[in-house]
C-alpha atoms as a PDB file:
ATOM      1  CA  MET A   1      75.562 189.583 106.560  1.00  0.00           C
ATOM      2  CA  PRO A   2      72.781 190.430 108.994  1.00  0.00           C
ATOM      3  CA  PHE A   3      69.580 188.454 108.845  1.00  0.00           C
ATOM      4  CA  THR A   4      66.858 190.456 107.175  1.00  0.00           C
ATOM      5  CA  GLY A   5      64.264 187.701 107.174  1.00  0.00           C
ATOM      6  CA  HIS A   6      61.766 186.652 104.567  1.00  0.00           C
ATOM      7  CA  LEU A   7      58.640 187.209 106.618  1.00  0.00           C
ATOM      8  CA  HIS A   8      56.272 189.340 104.642  1.00  0.00           C
ATOM      9  CA  ILE A   9      53.356 190.486 106.757  1.00  0.00           C
ATOM     10  CA  LYS A  10      50.120 191.492 105.153  1.00  0.00           C
ATOM     11  CA  LYS A  11      47.716 193.070 107.563  1.00  0.00           C
ATOM     12  CA  LYS A  12      44.044 192.403 107.161  1.00  0.00           C
ATOM     13  CA  SER A  13      41.683 195.302 107.532  1.00  0.00           C
ATOM     14  CA  SER A  14      38.550 194.671 109.477  1.00  0.00           C
ATOM     15  CA  MET A  15      35.294 195.579 107.857  1.00  0.00           C
ATOM     16  CA  SER A  16      34.339 197.900 110.690  1.00  0.00           C
ATOM     17  CA  GLY A  17      36.032 201.251 111.077  1.00  0.00           C
ATOM     18  CA  GLY A  18      39.021 200.501 108.844  1.00  0.00           C
ATOM     19  CA  THR A  19      41.146 199.449 111.822  1.00  0.00           C
ATOM     20  CA  THR A  20      43.863 196.939 111.240  1.00  0.00           C
ATOM     21  CA  MET A  21      43.679 193.607 113.043  1.00  0.00           C
ATOM     22  CA  LEU A  22      45.786 190.518 112.927  1.00  0.00           C
ATOM     23  CA  ALA A  23      44.503 187.097 113.803  1.00  0.00           C
ATOM     24  CA  ALA A  24      45.905 185.706 117.061  1.00  0.00           C
ATOM     25  CA  LYS A  25      47.772 182.955 115.236  1.00  0.00           C
ATOM     26  CA  GLU A  26      49.366 185.411 112.842  1.00  0.00           C
ATOM     27  CA  GLN A  27      50.429 187.680 115.701  1.00  0.00           C
ATOM     28  CA  ALA A  28      51.894 184.740 117.627  1.00  0.00           C
ATOM     29  CA  PHE A  29      53.864 183.750 114.552  1.00  0.00           C
ATOM     30  CA  ILE A  30      55.124 187.287 114.028  1.00  0.00           C
ATOM     31  CA  ASP A  31      56.214 187.382 117.671  1.00  0.00           C
ATOM     32  CA  LEU A  32      57.952 184.010 117.292  1.00  0.00           C
ATOM     33  CA  HIS A  33      59.782 185.203 114.190  1.00  0.00           C
ATOM     34  CA  THR A  34      60.770 188.506 115.796  1.00  0.00           C
ATOM     35  CA  GLN A  35      62.057 186.774 118.929  1.00  0.00           C
ATOM     36  CA  HIS A  36      64.014 183.915 117.341  1.00  0.00           C
ATOM     37  CA  SER A  37      64.827 184.690 113.698  1.00  0.00           C
ATOM     38  CA  ALA A  38      68.302 186.083 114.376  1.00  0.00           C
ATOM     39  CA  ARG A  39      69.277 183.041 116.484  1.00  0.00           C
ATOM     40  CA  VAL A  40      67.959 180.589 113.875  1.00  0.00           C
ATOM     41  CA  TYR A  41      69.853 182.479 111.151  1.00  0.00           C
ATOM     42  CA  ARG A  42      73.112 182.466 113.176  1.00  0.00           C
ATOM     43  CA  TYR A  43      72.728 178.748 113.844  1.00  0.00           C
ATOM     44  CA  ILE A  44      72.393 178.036 110.125  1.00  0.00           C
ATOM     45  CA  ALA A  45      74.980 180.593 108.932  1.00  0.00           C
ATOM     46  CA  CYS A  46      77.625 179.034 111.201  1.00  0.00           C
ATOM     47  CA  ARG A  47      77.084 175.701 109.458  1.00  0.00           C
ATOM     48  CA  ILE A  48      76.968 176.712 105.806  1.00  0.00           C
ATOM     49  CA  SER A  49      79.179 179.104 103.875  1.00  0.00           C
ATOM     50  CA  ASP A  50      76.534 181.079 101.986  1.00  0.00           C
ATOM     51  CA  GLY A  51      74.814 183.967 103.787  1.00  0.00           C
ATOM     52  CA  HIS A  52      72.044 184.295 101.207  1.00  0.00           C
ATOM     53  CA  ARG A  53      71.340 180.564 101.367  1.00  0.00           C
ATOM     54  CA  ALA A  54      71.368 180.746 105.178  1.00  0.00           C
ATOM     55  CA  GLU A  55      68.599 183.366 104.971  1.00  0.00           C
ATOM     56  CA  GLU A  56      66.564 181.108 102.711  1.00  0.00           C
ATOM     57  CA  LEU A  57      67.018 178.136 105.018  1.00  0.00           C
ATOM     58  CA  ALA A  58      66.091 180.216 108.078  1.00  0.00           C
ATOM     59  CA  ALA A  59      62.924 181.272 106.254  1.00  0.00           C
ATOM     60  CA  ASP A  60      62.239 177.576 105.581  1.00  0.00           C
ATOM     61  CA  VAL A  61      62.443 176.856 109.316  1.00  0.00           C
ATOM     62  CA  PHE A  62      59.735 179.432 109.970  1.00  0.00           C
ATOM     63  CA  ARG A  63      57.670 178.198 107.016  1.00  0.00           C
ATOM     64  CA  ILE A  64      57.765 174.714 108.542  1.00  0.00           C
ATOM     65  CA  ALA A  65      56.760 176.137 111.936  1.00  0.00           C
ATOM     66  CA  TRP A  66      53.803 177.905 110.310  1.00  0.00           C
ATOM     67  CA  GLU A  67      52.699 174.857 108.327  1.00  0.00           C
ATOM     68  CA  LYS A  68      52.885 172.499 111.337  1.00  0.00           C
ATOM     69  CA  GLU A  69      50.000 174.371 112.990  1.00  0.00           C
ATOM     70  CA  LEU A  70      51.243 173.471 116.473  1.00  0.00           C
ATOM     71  CA  ALA A  71      48.914 174.077 119.395  1.00  0.00           C
ATOM     72  CA  GLU A  72      51.525 176.284 121.058  1.00  0.00           C
ATOM     73  CA  PRO A  73      54.209 178.362 119.357  1.00  0.00           C
ATOM     74  CA  PRO A  74      57.437 176.341 119.321  1.00  0.00           C
ATOM     75  CA  GLY A  75      60.396 177.366 121.435  1.00  0.00           C
ATOM     76  CA  ILE A  76      63.962 177.949 120.349  1.00  0.00           C
ATOM     77  CA  GLY A  77      64.801 174.268 120.940  1.00  0.00           C
ATOM     78  CA  TRP A  78      62.183 173.122 118.424  1.00  0.00           C
ATOM     79  CA  LEU A  79      63.250 175.789 115.945  1.00  0.00           C
ATOM     80  CA  LEU A  80      66.934 174.832 116.179  1.00  0.00           C
ATOM     81  CA  ALA A  81      66.096 171.120 115.860  1.00  0.00           C
ATOM     82  CA  THR A  82      64.172 171.988 112.717  1.00  0.00           C
ATOM     83  CA  ALA A  83      67.081 174.138 111.548  1.00  0.00           C
ATOM     84  CA  ARG A  84      69.416 171.177 112.073  1.00  0.00           C
ATOM     85  CA  ASN A  85      67.173 169.047 109.845  1.00  0.00           C
ATOM     86  CA  VAL A  86      67.013 171.784 107.208  1.00  0.00           C
ATOM     87  CA  VAL A  87      70.812 172.131 107.224  1.00  0.00           C
ATOM     88  CA  GLY A  88      71.107 168.336 106.932  1.00  0.00           C
ATOM     89  CA  ASN A  89      68.865 168.448 103.868  1.00  0.00           C
ATOM     90  CA  GLU A  90      71.041 171.225 102.426  1.00  0.00           C
ATOM     91  CA  TYR A  91      74.150 169.066 102.900  1.00  0.00           C
ATOM     92  CA  LYS A  92      72.402 166.108 101.241  1.00  0.00           C
ATOM     93  CA  GLY A  93      71.380 168.322  98.311  1.00  0.00           C
ATOM     94  CA  ARG A  94      74.921 169.613  97.898  1.00  0.00           C
ATOM     95  CA  ARG A  95      76.253 166.064  97.982  1.00  0.00           C
ATOM     96  CA  ARG A  96      73.696 164.943  95.362  1.00  0.00           C
ATOM     97  CA  ARG A  97      74.629 167.863  93.118  1.00  0.00           C
ATOM     98  CA  GLN A  98      78.322 166.973  93.433  1.00  0.00           C
ATOM     99  CA  GLU A  99      77.547 163.317  92.672  1.00  0.00           C
ATOM    100  CA  LEU A 100      75.584 164.473  89.620  1.00  0.00           C
ATOM    101  CA  VAL A 101      78.564 166.542  88.442  1.00  0.00           C
ATOM    102  CA  GLU A 102      80.815 163.507  88.801  1.00  0.00           C
ATOM    103  CA  ARG A 103      78.331 161.248  86.967  1.00  0.00           C
ATOM    104  CA  LEU A 104      77.996 163.799  84.176  1.00  0.00           C
ATOM    105  CA  LYS A 105      81.755 164.085  83.870  1.00  0.00           C
ATOM    106  CA  ASP A 106      82.027 160.302  83.674  1.00  0.00           C
ATOM    107  CA  ASP A 107      79.256 160.187  81.055  1.00  0.00           C
ATOM    108  CA  VAL A 108      80.928 162.901  79.007  1.00  0.00           C
ATOM    109  CA  ARG A 109      84.267 161.077  79.128  1.00  0.00           C
ATOM    110  CA  SER A 110      82.745 157.777  78.068  1.00  0.00           C
ATOM    111  CA  GLN A 111      80.447 159.112  75.351  1.00  0.00           C
ATOM    112  CA  ALA A 112      82.405 161.866  73.693  1.00  0.00           C
ATOM    113  CA  PRO A 113      85.368 160.298  71.950  1.00  0.00           C
ATOM    114  CA  GLY A 114      87.893 162.741  70.534  1.00  0.00           C
ATOM    115  CA  SER A 115      87.041 165.609  72.893  1.00  0.00           C
ATOM    116  CA  ASN A 116      89.545 166.757  75.453  1.00  0.00           C
ATOM    117  CA  ASP A 117      88.939 166.120  79.157  1.00  0.00           C
ATOM    118  CA  GLU A 118      88.915 169.832  80.003  1.00  0.00           C
ATOM    119  CA  GLU A 119      86.123 170.508  77.530  1.00  0.00           C
ATOM    120  CA  ARG A 120      84.126 167.513  78.762  1.00  0.00           C
ATOM    121  CA  ALA A 121      84.441 168.660  82.348  1.00  0.00           C
ATOM    122  CA  ALA A 122      83.282 172.155  81.347  1.00  0.00           C
ATOM    123  CA  VAL A 123      80.218 170.710  79.592  1.00  0.00           C
ATOM    124  CA  ALA A 124      79.395 168.680  82.706  1.00  0.00           C
ATOM    125  CA  GLU A 125      79.740 171.772  84.897  1.00  0.00           C
ATOM    126  CA  VAL A 126      77.294 173.673  82.680  1.00  0.00           C
ATOM    127  CA  LEU A 127      74.815 170.790  82.523  1.00  0.00           C
ATOM    128  CA  VAL A 128      74.613 170.505  86.291  1.00  0.00           C
ATOM    129  CA  GLN A 129      73.678 174.193  86.507  1.00  0.00           C
ATOM    130  CA  LEU A 130      70.653 173.720  84.252  1.00  0.00           C
ATOM    131  CA  ARG A 131      67.141 172.839  85.328  1.00  0.00           C
ATOM    132  CA  GLU A 132      66.599 169.084  85.312  1.00  0.00           C
ATOM    133  CA  ARG A 133      64.102 169.407  82.466  1.00  0.00           C
ATOM    134  CA  ASP A 134      66.606 171.223  80.201  1.00  0.00           C
ATOM    135  CA  ARG A 135      69.440 168.884  81.137  1.00  0.00           C
ATOM    136  CA  GLU A 136      67.335 165.820  80.274  1.00  0.00           C
ATOM    137  CA  VAL A 137      66.305 167.197  76.858  1.00  0.00           C
ATOM    138  CA  LEU A 138      69.932 168.016  75.975  1.00  0.00           C
ATOM    139  CA  MET A 139      71.210 164.651  77.141  1.00  0.00           C
ATOM    140  CA  LEU A 140      68.545 162.822  75.143  1.00  0.00           C
ATOM    141  CA  SER A 141      69.345 164.881  72.063  1.00  0.00           C
ATOM    142  CA  TYR A 142      73.140 164.879  72.255  1.00  0.00           C
ATOM    143  CA  TRP A 143      74.153 161.879  74.353  1.00  0.00           C
ATOM    144  CA  ASP A 144      71.478 159.526  73.111  1.00  0.00           C
ATOM    145  CA  GLU A 145      71.424 161.154  69.640  1.00  0.00           C
ATOM    146  CA  LEU A 146      67.644 161.231  69.395  1.00  0.00           C
ATOM    147  CA  THR A 147      65.960 162.984  66.488  1.00  0.00           C
ATOM    148  CA  ILE A 148      63.194 165.485  67.192  1.00  0.00           C
ATOM    149  CA  ALA A 149      60.577 162.800  66.481  1.00  0.00           C
ATOM    150  CA  GLU A 150      62.283 160.331  68.845  1.00  0.00           C
ATOM    151  CA  LEU A 151      62.675 163.053  71.456  1.00  0.00           C
ATOM    152  CA  ALA A 152      58.949 163.844  71.188  1.00  0.00           C
ATOM    153  CA  GLN A 153      58.064 160.192  71.645  1.00  0.00           C
ATOM    154  CA  THR A 154      60.373 159.859  74.671  1.00  0.00           C
ATOM    155  CA  LEU A 155      59.011 163.037  76.274  1.00  0.00           C
ATOM    156  CA  GLY A 156      55.399 162.178  75.442  1.00  0.00           C
ATOM    157  CA  CYS A 157      54.730 165.355  73.480  1.00  0.00           C
ATOM    158  CA  SER A 158      54.358 166.540  69.900  1.00  0.00           C
ATOM    159  CA  SER A 159      57.353 167.035  67.629  1.00  0.00           C
ATOM    160  CA  SER A 160      56.846 170.776  67.647  1.00  0.00           C
ATOM    161  CA  ALA A 161      56.739 170.836  71.468  1.00  0.00           C
ATOM    162  CA  ALA A 162      59.908 168.720  71.591  1.00  0.00           C
ATOM    163  CA  ALA A 163      61.620 171.099  69.186  1.00  0.00           C
ATOM    164  CA  VAL A 164      60.639 174.075  71.348  1.00  0.00           C
ATOM    165  CA  ARG A 165      61.887 172.335  74.509  1.00  0.00           C
ATOM    166  CA  LEU A 166      65.182 171.505  72.804  1.00  0.00           C
ATOM    167  CA  HIS A 167      65.516 175.089  71.577  1.00  0.00           C
ATOM    168  CA  ARG A 168      64.900 176.423  75.108  1.00  0.00           C
ATOM    169  CA  ALA A 169      67.353 173.926  76.606  1.00  0.00           C
ATOM    170  CA  ARG A 170      70.008 174.907  74.074  1.00  0.00           C
ATOM    171  CA  ARG A 171      69.401 178.564  74.865  1.00  0.00           C
ATOM    172  CA  ALA A 172      69.747 177.861  78.603  1.00  0.00           C
ATOM    173  CA  PHE A 173      72.978 175.946  77.951  1.00  0.00           C
ATOM    174  CA  ALA A 174      74.345 178.748  75.773  1.00  0.00           C
ATOM    175  CA  LYS A 175      73.555 181.309  78.441  1.00  0.00           C
ATOM    176  CA  ALA A 176      75.375 179.304  81.109  1.00  0.00           C
ATOM    177  CA  ALA A 177      78.274 178.045  78.972  1.00  0.00           C
ATOM    178  CA  PRO A 178      81.608 179.665  78.231  1.00  0.00           C
ATOM    179  CA  SER A 179      81.762 180.774  74.596  1.00  0.00           C
ATOM    180  CA  HIS A 180      84.422 178.213  73.627  1.00  0.00           C
ATOM    181  CA  LEU A 181      81.929 175.378  74.257  1.00  0.00           C
ATOM    182  CA  MET A 182      79.362 176.648  71.798  1.00  0.00           C
ATOM    183  CA  THR A 183      79.241 174.796  68.470  1.00  0.00           C
ATOM    184  CA  GLU A 184      76.194 174.090  66.347  1.00  0.00           C
ATOM    185  CA  ARG A 185      75.052 170.590  65.480  1.00  0.00           C
ATOM    186  CA  LYS A 186      73.077 169.994  62.310  1.00  0.00           C
ATOM    187  CA  ASP A 187      69.954 167.868  62.886  1.00  0.00           C
END
């Protein structure tokens, strides 16, 4: 997959004559991106297995370069060192997600007597795909068996807000879950 980049350039029009001008810093950054983006992408793509994610991480490298506000535009060495750090963070994130899946599977096994292991593992897989906020609401409701009032107190919100958050989390779970996992619980 060729690198298409995520650099979106918005030109600023000058007030005089309608001519288009870019600030020197912006032009230097555009030149930096044009010169090195393909190499940064290749560096990252060779180290991770997801082309789309490699594009996102390459864009992050250039975002970091922009935000650093260095006196001089960085060279390829600095960009690749930053890419190495970004890839390292990606690996850490993947490892944390895998550890979360394993913890969720362990929690499901220990707290859901009578269910089969395959179903528990499937529930854990769906939970890890959810946003942290939705996952927490579902775990409080189902694992910890909190009522709406208790959920509201735990979340620090009103009962109606807690009910809405639980409804949204259930909807997110239902959207991500295989149909055989979907059963209704009476509150």
